[in-house]
Amino acid sequence: MRRAPSNPEPERGRVRRPAVRDSGLPSSSPAFSYYSSRAPEVARQRQSVQRPEPSKQGKGRRLPRITLAGAPFWLLMIVVAVCAAKVLSLSTTPKIVVVGKTAVSSIYLQSSDVYAAAAHRLLAGSITNRTKLTVNLGGTARSLEQQFPELQTVSVGVPLIGSRPIVYVQVAQPSVVLQTARGNYALNSSGLVLARVQTLPGDVPLLSDQSTAMPQPGKQYLPSSTVRFVQTVAYQLKAAHLTVSTFVLPPQSPYELDIRLEGKAYLVRMNLAADALTQSGAVVATIQQFASDPGNYLDVRVPGRVYYK
């Protein structure tokens, strides 16, 4: 008869669990579960506090690199801006260049300092004239022409290299010299008074006005047709070896022009309203035809007729 083992093995497939007494206290397994799940959460919070955000950390590191890399570019832009401002800047002290100066025009041509001072006042009068892009070249030239009637044309230019503007002035050539009781004045081809002259040029017709009118520089004094008439007659008589001493405008006859020839005692009378070439030809033909000179006058004011006394 077999004896039963003292420690019999439990039956396979069955596990006996000790009985849990209901003592009113929570079991140990819930406590272990709370602390085990709390630990990773606390670790994650500490990690998030210690490490900065990736976006802020990245911006803080890239900012110095952008500033250092862009410094040469901005320095180059500043240098270019300074050079451009220097090249485009314009001075208000111009350089005067006189064009077309002759011995006759030099009689009434003023000093270059006078023209330079006037141009300086015009350029300095507006801030837009301080740069080559905004300078008023045409307005400055027109103002100088109005201020100085002895100048025929004025042009203002800016140099490509340099900041000093250049003012080119062309002196007007006198067509006649007007002789009045108040002095002598140079007139251009339009009858405009250029300036008052002290000496009489030898190769310019001298026109004596016996009226009481007062010439003013820059103002119209005679019609342009009268000036052209005087020039035409002077040229035609000179070609016939007749030198005109003086052209005279009598006060009582507005359309009459009297001529005094050198070496002749008589007076030649012409009509300003008629053709100058026809009357000049009549005078030359009459003088060459007569053996002796007329006594008092030679009148060709009527077309096709010559009167003498």
C-alpha atoms as a PDB file:
ATOM      1  CA  MET A   1       0.000   0.000   0.000  1.00  0.00           C
ATOM      2  CA  ARG A   2       1.471   3.314  -1.138  1.00  0.00           C
ATOM      3  CA  ARG A   3       1.819   6.265   1.084  1.00  0.00           C
ATOM      4  CA  ALA A   4       0.667   9.671  -0.026  1.00  0.00           C
ATOM      5  CA  PRO A   5       3.426  12.358  -0.416  1.00  0.00           C
ATOM      6  CA  SER A   6       3.739  14.859   2.343  1.00  0.00           C
ATOM      7  CA  ASN A   7       3.733  17.826  -0.045  1.00  0.00           C
ATOM      8  CA  PRO A   8       1.404  16.973  -2.720  1.00  0.00           C
ATOM      9  CA  GLU A   9       1.737  19.137  -5.954  1.00  0.00           C
ATOM     10  CA  PRO A  10      -1.254  21.147  -6.822  1.00  0.00           C
ATOM     11  CA  GLU A  11      -3.274  20.151  -9.716  1.00  0.00           C
ATOM     12  CA  ARG A  12      -2.196  21.491 -13.008  1.00  0.00           C
ATOM     13  CA  GLY A  13      -4.489  24.085 -14.517  1.00  0.00           C
ATOM     14  CA  ARG A  14      -5.675  25.376 -11.213  1.00  0.00           C
ATOM     15  CA  VAL A  15      -4.023  28.229  -9.336  1.00  0.00           C
ATOM     16  CA  ARG A  16      -5.142  29.000  -5.952  1.00  0.00           C
ATOM     17  CA  ARG A  17      -5.163  32.662  -5.052  1.00  0.00           C
ATOM     18  CA  PRO A  18      -5.048  33.716  -1.481  1.00  0.00           C
ATOM     19  CA  ALA A  19      -8.163  35.204  -0.227  1.00  0.00           C
ATOM     20  CA  VAL A  20      -8.270  38.935   0.158  1.00  0.00           C
ATOM     21  CA  ARG A  21      -9.636  40.207   3.274  1.00  0.00           C
ATOM     22  CA  ASP A  22     -11.894  43.154   3.155  1.00  0.00           C
ATOM     23  CA  SER A  23     -10.191  45.457   5.603  1.00  0.00           C
ATOM     24  CA  GLY A  24     -11.532  48.745   4.223  1.00  0.00           C
ATOM     25  CA  LEU A  25      -8.112  49.833   2.917  1.00  0.00           C
ATOM     26  CA  PRO A  26      -7.187  50.183  -0.747  1.00  0.00           C
ATOM     27  CA  SER A  27      -5.091  47.527  -2.172  1.00  0.00           C
ATOM     28  CA  SER A  28      -1.403  48.012  -3.041  1.00  0.00           C
ATOM     29  CA  SER A  29      -1.807  47.493  -6.795  1.00  0.00           C
ATOM     30  CA  PRO A  30      -3.716  50.787  -7.469  1.00  0.00           C
ATOM     31  CA  ALA A  31      -1.023  52.795  -5.620  1.00  0.00           C
ATOM     32  CA  PHE A  32       1.738  51.251  -7.643  1.00  0.00           C
ATOM     33  CA  SER A  33      -0.096  51.994 -10.873  1.00  0.00           C
ATOM     34  CA  TYR A  34      -0.576  55.741 -10.014  1.00  0.00           C
ATOM     35  CA  TYR A  35       3.069  56.427  -9.242  1.00  0.00           C
ATOM     36  CA  SER A  36       4.322  54.426 -12.196  1.00  0.00           C
ATOM     37  CA  SER A  37       2.159  56.439 -14.619  1.00  0.00           C
ATOM     38  CA  ARG A  38       2.961  59.777 -12.925  1.00  0.00           C
ATOM     39  CA  ALA A  39       6.718  59.482 -13.277  1.00  0.00           C
ATOM     40  CA  PRO A  40       6.914  59.690 -17.115  1.00  0.00           C
ATOM     41  CA  GLU A  41       4.546  62.661 -17.115  1.00  0.00           C
ATOM     42  CA  VAL A  42       6.711  64.612 -14.642  1.00  0.00           C
ATOM     43  CA  ALA A  43       9.799  63.806 -16.705  1.00  0.00           C
ATOM     44  CA  ARG A  44       8.173  65.118 -19.846  1.00  0.00           C
ATOM     45  CA  GLN A  45       7.224  68.378 -18.085  1.00  0.00           C
ATOM     46  CA  ARG A  46      10.796  68.895 -16.852  1.00  0.00           C
ATOM     47  CA  GLN A  47      12.144  68.254 -20.333  1.00  0.00           C
ATOM     48  CA  SER A  48       9.765  70.777 -21.869  1.00  0.00           C
ATOM     49  CA  VAL A  49      10.772  73.418 -19.311  1.00  0.00           C
ATOM     50  CA  GLN A  50      14.519  72.924 -19.714  1.00  0.00           C
ATOM     51  CA  ARG A  51      14.617  72.809 -23.533  1.00  0.00           C
ATOM     52  CA  PRO A  52      13.584  75.913 -25.560  1.00  0.00           C
ATOM     53  CA  GLU A  53      11.183  75.631 -28.422  1.00  0.00           C
ATOM     54  CA  PRO A  54      12.814  74.580 -31.676  1.00  0.00           C
ATOM     55  CA  SER A  55      11.458  77.602 -33.562  1.00  0.00           C
ATOM     56  CA  LYS A  56      12.772  80.152 -31.052  1.00  0.00           C
ATOM     57  CA  GLN A  57      16.076  78.357 -30.740  1.00  0.00           C
ATOM     58  CA  GLY A  58      16.482  78.312 -34.530  1.00  0.00           C
ATOM     59  CA  LYS A  59      15.699  82.027 -34.894  1.00  0.00           C
ATOM     60  CA  GLY A  60      18.189  82.947 -32.226  1.00  0.00           C
ATOM     61  CA  ARG A  61      20.953  81.115 -34.007  1.00  0.00           C
ATOM     62  CA  ARG A  62      20.195  82.320 -37.573  1.00  0.00           C
ATOM     63  CA  LEU A  63      19.924  86.083 -36.760  1.00  0.00           C
ATOM     64  CA  PRO A  64      23.665  86.714 -36.322  1.00  0.00           C
ATOM     65  CA  ARG A  65      24.458  84.831 -39.516  1.00  0.00           C
ATOM     66  CA  ILE A  66      21.992  86.954 -41.574  1.00  0.00           C
ATOM     67  CA  THR A  67      23.350  90.232 -40.178  1.00  0.00           C
ATOM     68  CA  LEU A  68      26.971  89.334 -40.761  1.00  0.00           C
ATOM     69  CA  ALA A  69      26.301  87.987 -44.236  1.00  0.00           C
ATOM     70  CA  GLY A  70      24.324  91.133 -45.329  1.00  0.00           C
ATOM     71  CA  ALA A  71      26.824  93.702 -44.015  1.00  0.00           C
ATOM     72  CA  PRO A  72      29.029  93.757 -47.162  1.00  0.00           C
ATOM     73  CA  PHE A  73      25.959  94.189 -49.367  1.00  0.00           C
ATOM     74  CA  TRP A  74      24.615  97.168 -47.411  1.00  0.00           C
ATOM     75  CA  LEU A  75      28.083  98.688 -47.251  1.00  0.00           C
ATOM     76  CA  LEU A  76      28.333  98.427 -51.032  1.00  0.00           C
ATOM     77  CA  MET A  77      24.908 100.044 -51.431  1.00  0.00           C
ATOM     78  CA  ILE A  78      25.948 102.956 -49.206  1.00  0.00           C
ATOM     79  CA  VAL A  79      29.126 103.495 -51.241  1.00  0.00           C
ATOM     80  CA  VAL A  80      27.136 103.421 -54.513  1.00  0.00           C
ATOM     81  CA  ALA A  81      24.592 105.913 -53.147  1.00  0.00           C
ATOM     82  CA  VAL A  82      27.324 108.316 -52.027  1.00  0.00           C
ATOM     83  CA  CYS A  83      29.096 108.120 -55.395  1.00  0.00           C
ATOM     84  CA  ALA A  84      25.827 108.643 -57.294  1.00  0.00           C
ATOM     85  CA  ALA A  85      24.960 111.662 -55.165  1.00  0.00           C
ATOM     86  CA  LYS A  86      28.398 113.158 -55.815  1.00  0.00           C
ATOM     87  CA  VAL A  87      28.208 112.575 -59.582  1.00  0.00           C
ATOM     88  CA  LEU A  88      24.664 113.973 -59.897  1.00  0.00           C
ATOM     89  CA  SER A  89      25.213 116.984 -57.638  1.00  0.00           C
ATOM     90  CA  LEU A  90      25.457 120.370 -59.342  1.00  0.00           C
ATOM     91  CA  SER A  91      27.191 123.528 -58.215  1.00  0.00           C
ATOM     92  CA  THR A  92      25.603 126.961 -58.434  1.00  0.00           C
ATOM     93  CA  THR A  93      28.847 128.618 -59.578  1.00  0.00           C
ATOM     94  CA  PRO A  94      28.848 128.380 -63.388  1.00  0.00           C
ATOM     95  CA  LYS A  95      31.621 128.728 -65.912  1.00  0.00           C
ATOM     96  CA  ILE A  96      31.039 131.351 -68.635  1.00  0.00           C
ATOM     97  CA  VAL A  97      32.120 130.630 -72.206  1.00  0.00           C
ATOM     98  CA  VAL A  98      31.737 133.518 -74.698  1.00  0.00           C
ATOM     99  CA  VAL A  99      30.975 132.459 -78.282  1.00  0.00           C
ATOM    100  CA  GLY A 100      31.107 134.695 -81.366  1.00  0.00           C
ATOM    101  CA  LYS A 101      33.020 137.575 -79.824  1.00  0.00           C
ATOM    102  CA  THR A 102      34.237 140.130 -82.372  1.00  0.00           C
ATOM    103  CA  ALA A 103      35.883 143.531 -82.254  1.00  0.00           C
ATOM    104  CA  VAL A 104      32.501 145.208 -82.696  1.00  0.00           C
ATOM    105  CA  SER A 105      30.608 143.163 -80.111  1.00  0.00           C
ATOM    106  CA  SER A 106      33.416 143.558 -77.590  1.00  0.00           C
ATOM    107  CA  ILE A 107      32.476 147.256 -77.377  1.00  0.00           C
ATOM    108  CA  TYR A 108      29.332 146.500 -75.367  1.00  0.00           C
ATOM    109  CA  LEU A 109      30.124 143.002 -74.122  1.00  0.00           C
ATOM    110  CA  GLN A 110      30.124 142.970 -70.330  1.00  0.00           C
ATOM    111  CA  SER A 111      32.553 141.155 -68.078  1.00  0.00           C
ATOM    112  CA  SER A 112      32.201 137.395 -67.611  1.00  0.00           C
ATOM    113  CA  ASP A 113      31.864 137.980 -63.865  1.00  0.00           C
ATOM    114  CA  VAL A 114      28.627 139.895 -64.473  1.00  0.00           C
ATOM    115  CA  TYR A 115      27.096 137.000 -66.394  1.00  0.00           C
ATOM    116  CA  ALA A 116      28.422 134.460 -63.866  1.00  0.00           C
ATOM    117  CA  ALA A 117      26.873 136.363 -60.953  1.00  0.00           C
ATOM    118  CA  ALA A 118      23.496 136.521 -62.692  1.00  0.00           C
ATOM    119  CA  ALA A 119      23.594 132.811 -63.535  1.00  0.00           C
ATOM    120  CA  HIS A 120      24.564 132.001 -59.937  1.00  0.00           C
ATOM    121  CA  ARG A 121      21.534 133.869 -58.597  1.00  0.00           C
ATOM    122  CA  LEU A 122      19.231 131.977 -60.951  1.00  0.00           C
ATOM    123  CA  LEU A 123      20.696 128.563 -60.115  1.00  0.00           C
ATOM    124  CA  ALA A 124      20.755 129.192 -56.377  1.00  0.00           C
ATOM    125  CA  GLY A 125      17.164 130.431 -56.395  1.00  0.00           C
ATOM    126  CA  SER A 126      15.700 126.915 -56.588  1.00  0.00           C
ATOM    127  CA  ILE A 127      16.687 123.709 -54.810  1.00  0.00           C
ATOM    128  CA  THR A 128      15.872 121.712 -57.940  1.00  0.00           C
ATOM    129  CA  ASN A 129      18.900 123.261 -59.638  1.00  0.00           C
ATOM    130  CA  ARG A 130      21.250 121.415 -57.272  1.00  0.00           C
ATOM    131  CA  THR A 131      21.181 118.145 -59.240  1.00  0.00           C
ATOM    132  CA  LYS A 132      21.815 117.325 -62.883  1.00  0.00           C
ATOM    133  CA  LEU A 133      18.520 115.469 -63.174  1.00  0.00           C
ATOM    134  CA  THR A 134      16.257 118.308 -62.006  1.00  0.00           C
ATOM    135  CA  VAL A 135      18.104 121.468 -63.081  1.00  0.00           C
ATOM    136  CA  ASN A 136      16.054 123.889 -65.199  1.00  0.00           C
ATOM    137  CA  LEU A 137      18.464 124.512 -68.059  1.00  0.00           C
ATOM    138  CA  GLY A 138      15.978 126.118 -70.442  1.00  0.00           C
ATOM    139  CA  GLY A 139      14.503 128.473 -67.862  1.00  0.00           C
ATOM    140  CA  THR A 140      17.927 129.661 -66.763  1.00  0.00           C
ATOM    141  CA  ALA A 141      18.983 130.360 -70.366  1.00  0.00           C
ATOM    142  CA  ARG A 142      15.790 132.292 -71.148  1.00  0.00           C
ATOM    143  CA  SER A 143      16.136 134.402 -68.017  1.00  0.00           C
ATOM    144  CA  LEU A 144      19.692 135.347 -68.955  1.00  0.00           C
ATOM    145  CA  GLU A 145      18.620 136.308 -72.489  1.00  0.00           C
ATOM    146  CA  GLN A 146      15.909 138.584 -71.098  1.00  0.00           C
ATOM    147  CA  GLN A 147      18.251 140.135 -68.566  1.00  0.00           C
ATOM    148  CA  PHE A 148      21.079 140.808 -71.049  1.00  0.00           C
ATOM    149  CA  PRO A 149      19.769 141.925 -74.465  1.00  0.00           C
ATOM    150  CA  GLU A 150      23.298 142.069 -75.898  1.00  0.00           C
ATOM    151  CA  LEU A 151      23.357 138.268 -75.788  1.00  0.00           C
ATOM    152  CA  GLN A 152      21.839 136.692 -78.870  1.00  0.00           C
ATOM    153  CA  THR A 153      21.592 133.141 -77.532  1.00  0.00           C
ATOM    154  CA  VAL A 154      22.348 131.504 -74.181  1.00  0.00           C
ATOM    155  CA  SER A 155      22.620 127.792 -73.502  1.00  0.00           C
ATOM    156  CA  VAL A 156      23.352 126.050 -70.212  1.00  0.00           C
ATOM    157  CA  GLY A 157      24.971 122.622 -70.094  1.00  0.00           C
ATOM    158  CA  VAL A 158      26.028 120.202 -67.374  1.00  0.00           C
ATOM    159  CA  PRO A 159      29.326 118.302 -67.561  1.00  0.00           C
ATOM    160  CA  LEU A 160      29.408 114.519 -67.528  1.00  0.00           C
ATOM    161  CA  ILE A 161      32.242 114.559 -65.027  1.00  0.00           C
ATOM    162  CA  GLY A 162      32.265 117.426 -62.582  1.00  0.00           C
ATOM    163  CA  SER A 163      29.646 119.527 -60.850  1.00  0.00           C
ATOM    164  CA  ARG A 164      30.180 122.991 -62.345  1.00  0.00           C
ATOM    165  CA  PRO A 165      27.608 124.017 -64.983  1.00  0.00           C
ATOM    166  CA  ILE A 166      28.766 125.668 -68.203  1.00  0.00           C
ATOM    167  CA  VAL A 167      26.949 128.702 -69.621  1.00  0.00           C
ATOM    168  CA  TYR A 168      27.568 129.413 -73.297  1.00  0.00           C
ATOM    169  CA  VAL A 169      26.753 133.009 -74.301  1.00  0.00           C
ATOM    170  CA  GLN A 170      26.728 134.190 -77.913  1.00  0.00           C
ATOM    171  CA  VAL A 171      27.049 137.933 -78.358  1.00  0.00           C
ATOM    172  CA  ALA A 172      24.637 139.614 -80.768  1.00  0.00           C
ATOM    173  CA  GLN A 173      26.239 141.508 -83.611  1.00  0.00           C
ATOM    174  CA  PRO A 174      24.969 145.094 -84.124  1.00  0.00           C
ATOM    175  CA  SER A 175      23.252 145.792 -87.425  1.00  0.00           C
ATOM    176  CA  VAL A 176      23.190 149.582 -87.015  1.00  0.00           C
ATOM    177  CA  VAL A 177      24.363 152.094 -84.468  1.00  0.00           C
ATOM    178  CA  LEU A 178      21.653 154.538 -83.463  1.00  0.00           C
ATOM    179  CA  GLN A 179      22.847 158.073 -82.804  1.00  0.00           C
ATOM    180  CA  THR A 180      20.574 160.173 -80.593  1.00  0.00           C
ATOM    181  CA  ALA A 181      20.842 163.308 -78.486  1.00  0.00           C
ATOM    182  CA  ARG A 182      21.166 161.074 -75.393  1.00  0.00           C
ATOM    183  CA  GLY A 183      23.941 158.842 -76.694  1.00  0.00           C
ATOM    184  CA  ASN A 184      24.758 156.052 -79.119  1.00  0.00           C
ATOM    185  CA  TYR A 185      23.086 152.636 -79.005  1.00  0.00           C
ATOM    186  CA  ALA A 186      23.713 149.363 -80.809  1.00  0.00           C
ATOM    187  CA  LEU A 187      20.658 147.794 -82.478  1.00  0.00           C
ATOM    188  CA  ASN A 188      20.320 144.244 -83.784  1.00  0.00           C
ATOM    189  CA  SER A 189      18.604 143.171 -87.000  1.00  0.00           C
ATOM    190  CA  SER A 190      15.192 143.203 -85.290  1.00  0.00           C
ATOM    191  CA  GLY A 191      15.514 146.828 -84.173  1.00  0.00           C
ATOM    192  CA  LEU A 192      16.067 145.829 -80.543  1.00  0.00           C
ATOM    193  CA  VAL A 193      18.396 148.022 -78.513  1.00  0.00           C
ATOM    194  CA  LEU A 194      21.320 145.879 -77.403  1.00  0.00           C
ATOM    195  CA  ALA A 195      23.353 148.276 -75.297  1.00  0.00           C
ATOM    196  CA  ARG A 196      24.719 151.762 -75.115  1.00  0.00           C
ATOM    197  CA  VAL A 197      28.111 152.203 -76.748  1.00  0.00           C
ATOM    198  CA  GLN A 198      30.790 154.788 -76.167  1.00  0.00           C
ATOM    199  CA  THR A 199      32.776 154.277 -79.370  1.00  0.00           C
ATOM    200  CA  LEU A 200      31.422 153.957 -82.901  1.00  0.00           C
ATOM    201  CA  PRO A 201      32.423 150.857 -84.897  1.00  0.00           C
ATOM    202  CA  GLY A 202      33.619 151.729 -88.388  1.00  0.00           C
ATOM    203  CA  ASP A 203      31.973 148.904 -90.349  1.00  0.00           C
ATOM    204  CA  VAL A 204      28.436 149.315 -88.951  1.00  0.00           C
ATOM    205  CA  PRO A 205      25.994 151.838 -90.526  1.00  0.00           C
ATOM    206  CA  LEU A 206      25.387 154.929 -88.417  1.00  0.00           C
ATOM    207  CA  LEU A 207      21.738 155.959 -88.223  1.00  0.00           C
ATOM    208  CA  SER A 208      20.983 159.390 -86.769  1.00  0.00           C
ATOM    209  CA  ASP A 209      17.532 159.773 -85.212  1.00  0.00           C
ATOM    210  CA  GLN A 210      16.483 163.401 -84.862  1.00  0.00           C
ATOM    211  CA  SER A 211      13.380 162.623 -82.813  1.00  0.00           C
ATOM    212  CA  THR A 212      13.098 162.990 -79.046  1.00  0.00           C
ATOM    213  CA  ALA A 213      12.466 159.287 -78.343  1.00  0.00           C
ATOM    214  CA  MET A 214      14.496 157.643 -75.561  1.00  0.00           C
ATOM    215  CA  PRO A 215      16.120 154.280 -76.432  1.00  0.00           C
ATOM    216  CA  GLN A 216      16.177 151.648 -73.687  1.00  0.00           C
ATOM    217  CA  PRO A 217      18.347 148.505 -73.764  1.00  0.00           C
ATOM    218  CA  GLY A 218      16.240 145.424 -74.252  1.00  0.00           C
ATOM    219  CA  LYS A 219      13.363 147.372 -75.805  1.00  0.00           C
ATOM    220  CA  GLN A 220      12.237 147.569 -79.417  1.00  0.00           C
ATOM    221  CA  TYR A 221      13.109 150.918 -80.965  1.00  0.00           C
ATOM    222  CA  LEU A 222      12.891 150.546 -84.761  1.00  0.00           C
ATOM    223  CA  PRO A 223      10.978 148.170 -87.033  1.00  0.00           C
ATOM    224  CA  SER A 224      13.054 145.349 -88.455  1.00  0.00           C
ATOM    225  CA  SER A 225      12.125 146.541 -91.972  1.00  0.00           C
ATOM    226  CA  THR A 226      13.863 149.865 -91.349  1.00  0.00           C
ATOM    227  CA  VAL A 227      17.049 148.143 -90.212  1.00  0.00           C
ATOM    228  CA  ARG A 228      17.065 145.860 -93.253  1.00  0.00           C
ATOM    229  CA  PHE A 229      16.460 148.861 -95.543  1.00  0.00           C
ATOM    230  CA  VAL A 230      19.479 150.685 -94.111  1.00  0.00           C
ATOM    231  CA  GLN A 231      21.692 147.621 -94.437  1.00  0.00           C
ATOM    232  CA  THR A 232      20.653 146.996 -98.053  1.00  0.00           C
ATOM    233  CA  VAL A 233      21.279 150.587 -99.153  1.00  0.00           C
ATOM    234  CA  ALA A 234      24.629 150.714 -97.373  1.00  0.00           C
ATOM    235  CA  TYR A 235      25.765 147.543 -99.113  1.00  0.00           C
ATOM    236  CA  GLN A 236      24.603 148.661-102.584  1.00  0.00           C
ATOM    237  CA  LEU A 237      26.223 152.093-102.357  1.00  0.00           C
ATOM    238  CA  LYS A 238      29.430 150.633-101.020  1.00  0.00           C
ATOM    239  CA  ALA A 239      29.555 148.244-103.963  1.00  0.00           C
ATOM    240  CA  ALA A 240      29.315 151.323-106.261  1.00  0.00           C
ATOM    241  CA  HIS A 241      32.235 152.961-104.390  1.00  0.00           C
ATOM    242  CA  LEU A 242      29.953 155.434-102.631  1.00  0.00           C
ATOM    243  CA  THR A 243      30.598 155.623 -98.928  1.00  0.00           C
ATOM    244  CA  VAL A 244      27.718 156.602 -96.666  1.00  0.00           C
ATOM    245  CA  SER A 245      28.614 159.050 -93.952  1.00  0.00           C
ATOM    246  CA  THR A 246      25.309 159.016 -92.065  1.00  0.00           C
ATOM    247  CA  PHE A 247      21.743 157.783 -92.455  1.00  0.00           C
ATOM    248  CA  VAL A 248      19.246 160.314 -91.102  1.00  0.00           C
ATOM    249  CA  LEU A 249      15.667 159.819 -89.905  1.00  0.00           C
ATOM    250  CA  PRO A 250      14.008 163.251 -90.133  1.00  0.00           C
ATOM    251  CA  PRO A 251      11.440 163.932 -87.394  1.00  0.00           C
ATOM    252  CA  GLN A 252       8.710 165.321 -89.666  1.00  0.00           C
ATOM    253  CA  SER A 253       8.666 162.501 -92.256  1.00  0.00           C
ATOM    254  CA  PRO A 254       8.186 159.038 -90.749  1.00  0.00           C
ATOM    255  CA  TYR A 255       8.780 157.157 -94.040  1.00  0.00           C
ATOM    256  CA  GLU A 256      11.728 159.245 -95.267  1.00  0.00           C
ATOM    257  CA  LEU A 257      15.360 158.247 -95.039  1.00  0.00           C
ATOM    258  CA  ASP A 258      18.036 160.791 -95.865  1.00  0.00           C
ATOM    259  CA  ILE A 259      21.575 159.807 -96.783  1.00  0.00           C
ATOM    260  CA  ARG A 260      24.733 161.891 -96.556  1.00  0.00           C
ATOM    261  CA  LEU A 261      27.610 160.644 -98.699  1.00  0.00           C
ATOM    262  CA  GLU A 262      31.231 161.287 -97.882  1.00  0.00           C
ATOM    263  CA  GLY A 263      32.662 164.028-100.079  1.00  0.00           C
ATOM    264  CA  LYS A 264      29.234 165.078-101.388  1.00  0.00           C
ATOM    265  CA  ALA A 265      27.362 168.242-100.459  1.00  0.00           C
ATOM    266  CA  TYR A 266      23.906 167.139-101.565  1.00  0.00           C
ATOM    267  CA  LEU A 267      21.403 164.970 -99.703  1.00  0.00           C
ATOM    268  CA  VAL A 268      19.859 161.739-101.042  1.00  0.00           C
ATOM    269  CA  ARG A 269      16.216 161.161-100.108  1.00  0.00           C
ATOM    270  CA  MET A 270      14.631 157.686-100.091  1.00  0.00           C
ATOM    271  CA  ASN A 271      11.256 156.165 -99.200  1.00  0.00           C
ATOM    272  CA  LEU A 272      11.273 153.498 -96.491  1.00  0.00           C
ATOM    273  CA  ALA A 273       7.976 152.111 -97.777  1.00  0.00           C
ATOM    274  CA  ALA A 274       9.382 151.422-101.283  1.00  0.00           C
ATOM    275  CA  ASP A 275      11.935 148.877-102.508  1.00  0.00           C
ATOM    276  CA  ALA A 276      15.470 149.493-101.281  1.00  0.00           C
ATOM    277  CA  LEU A 277      17.231 147.830-104.247  1.00  0.00           C
ATOM    278  CA  THR A 278      15.316 149.838-106.835  1.00  0.00           C
ATOM    279  CA  GLN A 279      16.018 153.149-105.141  1.00  0.00           C
ATOM    280  CA  SER A 280      19.684 152.317-104.614  1.00  0.00           C
ATOM    281  CA  GLY A 281      20.068 151.484-108.296  1.00  0.00           C
ATOM    282  CA  ALA A 282      18.426 154.777-109.296  1.00  0.00           C
ATOM    283  CA  VAL A 283      20.815 156.756-107.110  1.00  0.00           C
ATOM    284  CA  VAL A 284      23.906 155.011-108.500  1.00  0.00           C
ATOM    285  CA  ALA A 285      22.772 155.425-112.120  1.00  0.00           C
ATOM    286  CA  THR A 286      21.961 159.105-111.675  1.00  0.00           C
ATOM    287  CA  ILE A 287      25.277 159.934-110.044  1.00  0.00           C
ATOM    288  CA  GLN A 288      27.220 158.057-112.715  1.00  0.00           C
ATOM    289  CA  GLN A 289      25.252 159.734-115.530  1.00  0.00           C
ATOM    290  CA  PHE A 290      25.594 163.338-114.421  1.00  0.00           C
ATOM    291  CA  ALA A 291      28.841 165.089-115.077  1.00  0.00           C
ATOM    292  CA  SER A 292      28.426 167.271-111.999  1.00  0.00           C
ATOM    293  CA  ASP A 293      26.764 166.642-108.663  1.00  0.00           C
ATOM    294  CA  PRO A 294      23.316 168.047-107.830  1.00  0.00           C
ATOM    295  CA  GLY A 295      23.315 171.182-105.796  1.00  0.00           C
ATOM    296  CA  ASN A 296      20.986 170.445-102.854  1.00  0.00           C
ATOM    297  CA  TYR A 297      19.355 167.023-103.028  1.00  0.00           C
ATOM    298  CA  LEU A 298      18.681 163.895-105.078  1.00  0.00           C
ATOM    299  CA  ASP A 299      15.177 162.538-104.544  1.00  0.00           C
ATOM    300  CA  VAL A 300      14.193 158.968-105.577  1.00  0.00           C
ATOM    301  CA  ARG A 301      11.151 158.558-103.342  1.00  0.00           C
ATOM    302  CA  VAL A 302       8.730 158.344-106.285  1.00  0.00           C
ATOM    303  CA  PRO A 303       9.063 155.004-108.095  1.00  0.00           C
ATOM    304  CA  GLY A 304      10.452 155.405-111.632  1.00  0.00           C
ATOM    305  CA  ARG A 305      11.355 159.071-111.191  1.00  0.00           C
ATOM    306  CA  VAL A 306      14.410 160.989-109.977  1.00  0.00           C
ATOM    307  CA  TYR A 307      14.220 164.570-108.757  1.00  0.00           C
ATOM    308  CA  TYR A 308      17.268 166.713-108.128  1.00  0.00           C
ATOM    309  CA  LYS A 309      18.073 170.316-107.472  1.00  0.00           C
END
